[in-house]
Amino acid sequence: MSGLYGIARPLFFAMDAEQAHGLTIRMLKAGNLLPFSLGRSDPRLRVRAFGLDFANPLGMAAGFDKHAEVPDALLRLGFGFTEIGTVTPLPQAGNPQPRLFRLVEDEGVINRFGFNSEGHRAVYNRLAARAGKSGIVGVNVGANKDAADRVDDYVAGIEAFADIATYFTVNISSPNTPGLRDLQQASVLDDLLARVLDARDRASLKTGRKPVLLKIAPDLTPGDLDDIVRVCRARRIDGMIVGNTTITRPASLRSANAKETGGLSGKPLFDLSTKMLAMTWQRVEGQFPVVGAGGIHDATSAIAKLEAGATLLQFYSAMVYRGPGMIREILNGLRDYLDRHRIAALTDLTGRTALDWASGLIEE
């Protein structure tokens, strides 16, 4: 698979980044990106989190399959789960194009999509069409840019997808919707989580209880993180995802596109997001699992995320540069690491280096 992508990559990179992404979605829908064998199944890679059983810890992050067009194709590629969205109640176009930029020299990506979404109805219909199929498919919910009450939009997302989502992610950390990150302020967040979880609990009487996760930014101050984790623990949320894209720009960036406005993802995000992950894991104190996202690009970086505190992992941007073969490469790397160190289960890695990451003693 890596070899095939190496041949196709120049074609994709000759195109505008958003056009190339659209072509990838169409190919997945058509079945032209064939599934490959992952080899033997290894029970040590299985993870139980939020009351769900994952075949492996690797997840496709939200942002790739915004409109729920290819969840099953992604699961066939070897992901242990996938997350669609962000989905807003009403359709909205998002920000003007161009709004997706490759930072080739840095293996990074900047986007300023602004929650472009086909809306609840269209996305629900696609997910309903796959009803009865196996696989963990989360729904990442957001708010319309012009919503009179953005919290109402998140509640509407829970209500709309309660019967078909495996889990929910509440995305309040995108930097591309003005004012959205203000929802991370403690008093506002407390009200949002109270209303979202109440909607989930009411729906659970008919649909069963669905886990709700909160996705936060990697740019928070320690004080802000203290407040967020305190609210999450008090409200007994099911988990957190750390983290979204960053508005910061590391001095090491070489690409001319680094000057573009938007959220930075990919390899340059790794250190910042992993430190924030470790700080979050310390503050959570085992009350709920933490999902590590941001900058994973190989087995070594995946292992580092786990040791910094992650129970599950998500990535997307690295596949732009390394192709879908990296899924198998990471899974094989995880198996090899467990073999070499005689570790019984992947979950035994969680948090082993969190103190060093949080204190700044480790950088990749």
Protein backbone atom coordinates (compact mmCIF):
# COMPACT_ATOMS: atom_id res chain seq x y z
CA MET A 1 0.00 0.00 0.00
CA SER A 2 2.86 2.39 0.80
CA GLY A 3 4.38 1.67 -2.60
CA LEU A 4 1.11 2.36 -4.40
CA TYR A 5 0.73 5.65 -2.57
CA GLY A 6 4.29 6.59 -3.44
CA ILE A 7 3.35 6.27 -7.11
CA ALA A 8 0.10 8.23 -6.71
CA ARG A 9 1.46 10.96 -4.43
CA PRO A 10 2.87 13.21 -7.18
CA LEU A 11 -0.58 13.26 -8.80
CA PHE A 12 -2.22 14.32 -5.55
CA PHE A 13 0.44 16.91 -4.78
CA ALA A 14 0.07 18.46 -8.23
CA MET A 15 -3.51 19.32 -7.24
CA ASP A 16 -4.88 21.92 -4.85
CA ALA A 17 -4.93 20.33 -1.40
CA GLU A 18 -8.71 20.44 -1.01
CA GLN A 19 -9.24 19.04 -4.51
CA ALA A 20 -6.85 16.20 -3.71
CA HIS A 21 -8.79 15.48 -0.54
CA GLY A 22 -12.03 15.37 -2.52
CA LEU A 23 -10.48 12.94 -5.00
CA THR A 24 -9.38 10.69 -2.14
CA ILE A 25 -12.92 10.61 -0.75
CA ARG A 26 -14.31 9.73 -4.19
CA MET A 27 -11.78 6.94 -4.60
CA LEU A 28 -12.65 5.50 -1.22
CA LYS A 29 -16.35 5.65 -2.07
CA ALA A 30 -15.68 3.87 -5.36
CA GLY A 31 -13.57 1.22 -3.68
CA ASN A 32 -10.45 2.01 -5.67
CA LEU A 33 -8.30 2.21 -2.56
CA LEU A 34 -8.36 -1.48 -1.81
CA PRO A 35 -8.21 -2.79 1.75
CA PHE A 36 -5.02 -4.62 2.65
CA SER A 37 -4.25 -7.44 5.04
CA LEU A 38 -3.21 -6.34 8.50
CA GLY A 39 -1.72 -9.74 9.22
CA ARG A 40 -2.40 -11.56 12.45
CA SER A 41 -4.76 -10.08 14.98
CA ASP A 42 -3.06 -9.33 18.27
CA PRO A 43 -5.21 -9.25 21.40
CA ARG A 44 -2.60 -7.06 23.09
CA LEU A 45 -3.66 -4.18 20.83
CA ARG A 46 -7.27 -4.33 21.92
CA VAL A 47 -8.45 -1.46 24.07
CA ARG A 48 -11.55 -1.02 26.18
CA ALA A 49 -12.47 2.60 26.82
CA PHE A 50 -15.71 4.52 27.52
CA GLY A 51 -17.47 1.16 27.73
CA LEU A 52 -16.51 0.35 24.12
CA ASP A 53 -14.23 -2.38 22.76
CA PHE A 54 -11.69 -1.23 20.16
CA ALA A 55 -9.86 -3.78 17.99
CA ASN A 56 -6.84 -1.48 18.03
CA PRO A 57 -6.15 2.03 19.35
CA LEU A 58 -5.84 3.83 16.00
CA GLY A 59 -8.62 6.20 14.96
CA MET A 60 -9.17 8.47 11.99
CA ALA A 61 -9.53 11.95 13.43
CA ALA A 62 -12.48 14.18 12.62
CA GLY A 63 -11.92 16.43 9.64
CA PHE A 64 -11.13 13.77 7.07
CA ASP A 65 -14.66 12.39 6.64
CA LYS A 66 -16.64 15.52 7.47
CA HIS A 67 -19.90 14.36 5.90
CA ALA A 68 -19.87 10.62 6.80
CA GLU A 69 -19.19 9.56 3.24
CA VAL A 70 -16.62 6.80 3.88
CA PRO A 71 -16.66 5.49 7.47
CA ASP A 72 -16.71 1.84 6.44
CA ALA A 73 -13.95 2.29 3.88
CA LEU A 74 -11.76 3.80 6.61
CA LEU A 75 -12.50 0.93 8.98
CA ARG A 76 -11.54 -1.54 6.22
CA LEU A 77 -8.19 0.21 5.90
CA GLY A 78 -7.42 -0.94 9.42
CA PHE A 79 -8.52 1.82 11.78
CA GLY A 80 -9.92 0.64 15.09
CA PHE A 81 -12.46 3.47 14.93
CA THR A 82 -13.28 6.57 12.94
CA GLU A 83 -14.83 9.91 13.78
CA ILE A 84 -16.96 11.84 11.30
CA GLY A 85 -17.62 15.57 11.26
CA THR A 86 -17.52 18.20 12.54
CA VAL A 87 -21.28 18.31 11.77
CA THR A 88 -23.37 21.45 12.28
CA PRO A 89 -27.18 21.49 12.56
CA LEU A 90 -27.73 23.48 9.35
CA PRO A 91 -25.65 23.21 6.18
CA GLN A 92 -22.96 25.86 5.91
CA ALA A 93 -20.24 26.47 3.36
CA GLY A 94 -17.45 27.33 5.76
CA ASN A 95 -14.73 29.82 4.90
CA PRO A 96 -13.81 30.83 1.34
CA GLN A 97 -11.29 28.77 -0.62
CA PRO A 98 -8.38 28.25 -0.61
CA ARG A 99 -8.54 27.04 2.96
CA LEU A 100 -6.29 23.96 3.09
CA PHE A 101 -2.52 24.22 2.72
CA ARG A 102 0.30 21.69 2.74
CA LEU A 103 3.52 22.50 4.56
CA VAL A 104 5.52 19.93 2.62
CA GLU A 105 8.93 20.70 4.11
CA ASP A 106 7.48 20.31 7.60
CA GLU A 107 4.99 17.46 6.99
CA GLY A 108 2.32 19.76 8.33
CA VAL A 109 -1.07 21.08 7.23
CA ILE A 110 -2.89 24.35 7.89
CA ASN A 111 -6.65 24.53 7.48
CA ARG A 112 -9.23 27.23 7.98
CA PHE A 113 -12.32 25.34 6.84
CA GLY A 114 -14.65 26.91 9.39
CA PHE A 115 -16.94 23.92 9.96
CA ASN A 116 -18.03 23.39 6.37
CA SER A 117 -20.85 20.90 6.80
CA GLU A 118 -23.75 19.40 4.91
CA GLY A 119 -25.80 19.58 8.11
CA HIS A 120 -27.46 17.08 10.42
CA ARG A 121 -30.04 15.74 8.00
CA ALA A 122 -27.68 14.75 5.17
CA VAL A 123 -25.11 13.24 7.51
CA TYR A 124 -27.74 11.38 9.51
CA ASN A 125 -29.16 9.82 6.36
CA ARG A 126 -25.73 8.48 5.39
CA LEU A 127 -25.10 7.01 8.81
CA ALA A 128 -28.59 5.53 8.96
CA ALA A 129 -27.90 3.75 5.67
CA ARG A 130 -25.09 1.77 7.34
CA ALA A 131 -27.24 0.76 10.31
CA GLY A 132 -26.44 -2.75 11.49
CA LYS A 133 -22.83 -2.70 10.29
CA SER A 134 -20.04 -3.28 12.77
CA GLY A 135 -17.36 -0.76 13.62
CA ILE A 136 -17.02 2.18 15.99
CA VAL A 137 -18.08 5.45 14.35
CA GLY A 138 -18.08 8.58 16.48
CA VAL A 139 -19.91 11.79 15.61
CA ASN A 140 -18.13 15.10 16.17
CA VAL A 141 -20.70 17.84 16.71
CA GLY A 142 -20.32 21.59 16.36
CA ALA A 143 -22.25 24.82 16.08
CA ASN A 144 -23.26 26.94 13.12
CA LYS A 145 -21.27 30.14 12.76
CA ASP A 146 -24.36 32.35 13.02
CA ALA A 147 -26.18 30.35 15.72
CA ALA A 148 -28.09 32.48 18.21
CA ASP A 149 -27.21 29.99 20.96
CA ARG A 150 -24.26 27.76 20.16
CA VAL A 151 -24.92 25.50 23.13
CA ASP A 152 -28.34 24.74 21.63
CA ASP A 153 -26.54 23.55 18.49
CA TYR A 154 -24.45 21.06 20.46
CA VAL A 155 -27.57 19.78 22.23
CA ALA A 156 -29.25 19.42 18.84
CA GLY A 157 -26.31 17.35 17.63
CA ILE A 158 -26.66 14.91 20.51
CA GLU A 159 -30.39 14.61 19.93
CA ALA A 160 -30.02 14.18 16.17
CA PHE A 161 -27.50 11.33 16.24
CA ALA A 162 -28.24 9.60 19.54
CA ASP A 163 -29.59 6.47 17.89
CA ILE A 164 -26.72 5.92 15.44
CA ALA A 165 -23.53 7.42 16.90
CA THR A 166 -21.24 5.03 18.77
CA TYR A 167 -19.91 7.99 20.73
CA PHE A 168 -19.95 11.79 20.56
CA THR A 169 -17.20 14.39 20.50
CA VAL A 170 -18.05 17.95 21.49
CA ASN A 171 -15.74 20.16 19.44
CA ILE A 172 -15.27 23.56 21.07
CA SER A 173 -11.64 23.98 20.09
CA SER A 174 -11.51 24.71 16.37
CA PRO A 175 -9.70 28.02 15.80
CA ASN A 176 -11.57 28.70 12.56
CA THR A 177 -14.98 29.71 13.92
CA PRO A 178 -14.77 33.12 15.63
CA GLY A 179 -15.45 32.92 19.35
CA LEU A 180 -15.79 29.14 19.45
CA ARG A 181 -12.86 28.62 21.79
CA ASP A 182 -14.56 30.93 24.28
CA LEU A 183 -16.72 27.91 25.11
CA GLN A 184 -13.64 26.46 26.86
CA GLN A 185 -14.05 29.06 29.65
CA ALA A 186 -15.04 27.27 32.83
CA SER A 187 -18.44 28.85 33.50
CA VAL A 188 -19.56 28.53 29.89
CA LEU A 189 -18.18 25.00 29.59
CA ASP A 190 -20.01 23.90 32.73
CA ASP A 191 -23.33 25.01 31.27
CA LEU A 192 -22.55 23.43 27.90
CA LEU A 193 -21.61 20.06 29.37
CA ALA A 194 -24.58 20.09 31.73
CA ARG A 195 -26.99 20.58 28.82
CA VAL A 196 -25.21 18.19 26.46
CA LEU A 197 -25.02 15.39 29.03
CA ASP A 198 -28.64 15.95 30.00
CA ALA A 199 -29.61 15.55 26.33
CA ARG A 200 -27.52 12.38 26.14
CA ASP A 201 -29.09 10.95 29.28
CA ARG A 202 -32.62 11.69 28.08
CA ALA A 203 -31.91 10.06 24.73
CA SER A 204 -30.30 7.05 26.41
CA LEU A 205 -33.69 5.90 27.65
CA LYS A 206 -34.42 4.91 24.05
CA THR A 207 -31.03 4.54 22.42
CA GLY A 208 -28.73 3.37 25.19
CA ARG A 209 -26.00 5.43 26.80
CA LYS A 210 -23.49 6.94 24.37
CA PRO A 211 -20.11 8.21 25.60
CA VAL A 212 -19.49 11.95 25.29
CA LEU A 213 -15.93 13.26 24.83
CA LEU A 214 -14.65 16.83 24.87
CA LYS A 215 -12.03 17.95 22.34
CA ILE A 216 -9.77 20.74 23.57
CA ALA A 217 -7.11 22.99 22.07
CA PRO A 218 -3.38 22.36 22.58
CA ASP A 219 -2.82 26.10 23.20
CA LEU A 220 -4.33 26.29 26.70
CA THR A 221 -2.51 27.75 29.68
CA PRO A 222 -2.04 25.44 32.68
CA GLY A 223 -4.64 27.49 34.56
CA ASP A 224 -7.17 27.13 31.75
CA LEU A 225 -6.51 23.40 31.62
CA ASP A 226 -7.02 23.14 35.38
CA ASP A 227 -10.46 24.75 35.00
CA ILE A 228 -11.48 22.57 32.05
CA VAL A 229 -10.46 19.31 33.69
CA ARG A 230 -12.16 20.33 36.93
CA VAL A 231 -15.43 20.92 35.08
CA CYS A 232 -15.09 17.69 33.09
CA ARG A 233 -14.48 15.67 36.23
CA ALA A 234 -17.34 17.31 38.09
CA ARG A 235 -19.72 16.65 35.20
CA ARG A 236 -18.37 13.10 34.83
CA ILE A 237 -17.71 13.34 31.14
CA ASP A 238 -16.57 10.10 29.50
CA GLY A 239 -13.27 11.30 28.06
CA MET A 240 -11.21 14.06 26.48
CA ILE A 241 -9.40 14.39 23.16
CA VAL A 242 -6.12 16.31 23.28
CA GLY A 243 -5.99 18.08 21.04
CA ASN A 244 -7.17 20.10 18.10
CA THR A 245 -5.02 22.18 15.74
CA THR A 246 -2.83 25.01 17.04
CA ILE A 247 -2.80 28.69 16.18
CA THR A 248 0.87 28.89 17.17
CA ARG A 249 3.70 28.54 14.67
CA PRO A 250 6.88 26.79 15.82
CA ALA A 251 10.06 28.62 14.86
CA SER A 252 11.27 25.47 13.10
CA LEU A 253 8.69 25.74 10.27
CA ARG A 254 10.29 26.07 6.83
CA SER A 255 7.35 26.13 4.45
CA ALA A 256 6.17 29.40 2.91
CA ASN A 257 2.62 28.28 3.69
CA ALA A 258 3.38 28.57 7.41
CA LYS A 259 2.22 32.18 7.09
CA GLU A 260 -1.33 31.12 6.25
CA THR A 261 -4.05 31.78 8.81
CA GLY A 262 -5.70 28.74 10.37
CA GLY A 263 -5.03 25.73 12.55
CA LEU A 264 -1.73 23.90 12.18
CA SER A 265 -1.70 20.10 12.32
CA GLY A 266 0.70 17.33 11.44
CA LYS A 267 4.24 16.64 12.56
CA PRO A 268 5.00 20.20 13.82
CA LEU A 269 2.15 19.86 16.34
CA PHE A 270 3.58 16.77 18.01
CA ASP A 271 5.55 18.26 20.89
CA LEU A 272 2.95 20.85 21.88
CA SER A 273 0.02 18.45 21.76
CA THR A 274 1.89 15.67 23.57
CA LYS A 275 2.89 17.95 26.43
CA MET A 276 -0.75 19.09 26.72
CA LEU A 277 -1.83 15.43 26.66
CA ALA A 278 0.50 14.58 29.53
CA MET A 279 -0.66 17.57 31.55
CA THR A 280 -4.26 16.55 30.98
CA TRP A 281 -3.63 12.93 31.95
CA GLN A 282 -2.04 14.05 35.22
CA ARG A 283 -5.02 16.21 36.10
CA VAL A 284 -7.62 13.60 35.14
CA GLU A 285 -6.09 11.12 37.63
CA GLY A 286 -7.65 8.12 35.97
CA GLN A 287 -11.26 9.31 36.18
CA PHE A 288 -11.69 8.87 32.43
CA PRO A 289 -9.50 7.99 29.41
CA VAL A 290 -7.71 10.55 27.27
CA VAL A 291 -7.36 10.30 23.49
CA GLY A 292 -4.04 11.50 22.06
CA ALA A 293 -4.14 13.42 18.78
CA GLY A 294 -1.77 15.81 17.06
CA GLY A 295 1.36 14.99 15.14
CA ILE A 296 1.36 11.19 15.12
CA HIS A 297 3.35 10.15 12.05
CA ASP A 298 4.90 6.73 12.80
CA ALA A 299 5.04 3.96 15.41
CA THR A 300 7.55 5.84 17.54
CA SER A 301 5.33 8.91 17.84
CA ALA A 302 2.30 6.69 18.50
CA ILE A 303 4.12 4.95 21.34
CA ALA A 304 5.19 8.33 22.74
CA LYS A 305 1.55 9.46 22.83
CA LEU A 306 0.53 6.32 24.70
CA GLU A 307 3.33 6.73 27.22
CA ALA A 308 2.39 10.38 27.68
CA GLY A 309 -1.09 9.35 28.79
CA ALA A 310 -3.21 8.33 25.81
CA THR A 311 -5.48 5.31 25.86
CA LEU A 312 -6.52 5.75 22.21
CA LEU A 313 -4.90 7.61 19.31
CA GLN A 314 -6.15 9.70 16.39
CA PHE A 315 -4.37 11.05 13.34
CA TYR A 316 -5.11 12.41 9.89
CA SER A 317 -2.54 14.89 8.55
CA ALA A 318 0.35 12.42 8.37
CA MET A 319 -1.56 10.31 5.86
CA VAL A 320 -1.29 13.20 3.41
CA TYR A 321 2.45 12.53 3.30
CA ARG A 322 2.71 8.84 4.16
CA GLY A 323 -0.47 7.32 2.77
CA PRO A 324 -2.79 4.68 4.24
CA GLY A 325 0.06 2.20 4.58
CA MET A 326 1.08 3.99 7.75
CA ILE A 327 -1.85 2.35 9.55
CA ARG A 328 -0.33 -1.10 9.12
CA GLU A 329 3.17 0.24 9.82
CA ILE A 330 2.08 1.71 13.15
CA LEU A 331 0.20 -1.43 14.18
CA ASN A 332 3.22 -3.58 13.33
CA GLY A 333 5.46 -1.16 15.22
CA LEU A 334 3.24 -1.41 18.29
CA ARG A 335 3.38 -5.22 18.15
CA ASP A 336 7.16 -5.18 17.79
CA TYR A 337 7.53 -2.79 20.72
CA LEU A 338 5.43 -5.02 22.97
CA ASP A 339 7.47 -8.04 21.88
CA ARG A 340 10.84 -6.39 22.49
CA HIS A 341 9.90 -5.12 25.93
CA ARG A 342 7.81 -8.15 26.91
CA ILE A 343 4.76 -6.02 27.65
CA ALA A 344 1.50 -7.88 28.09
CA ALA A 345 -0.95 -5.24 26.84
CA LEU A 346 -0.86 -1.90 25.09
CA THR A 347 -2.65 -0.25 27.99
CA ASP A 348 0.38 -1.01 30.18
CA LEU A 349 2.16 1.84 28.36
CA THR A 350 -0.33 4.54 29.30
CA GLY A 351 1.20 7.40 31.26
CA ARG A 352 4.68 5.93 31.76
CA THR A 353 6.43 9.14 30.68
CA ALA A 354 3.67 11.67 31.44
CA LEU A 355 5.63 13.38 34.21
CA ASP A 356 8.64 13.95 31.94
CA TRP A 357 6.49 15.26 29.09
CA ALA A 358 4.52 17.58 31.38
CA SER A 359 7.66 18.99 32.92
CA GLY A 360 9.31 19.58 29.56
CA LEU A 361 12.04 16.95 29.99
CA ILE A 362 11.04 15.16 26.77
CA GLU A 363 10.79 16.49 23.25
CA GLU A 364 10.74 14.31 20.16
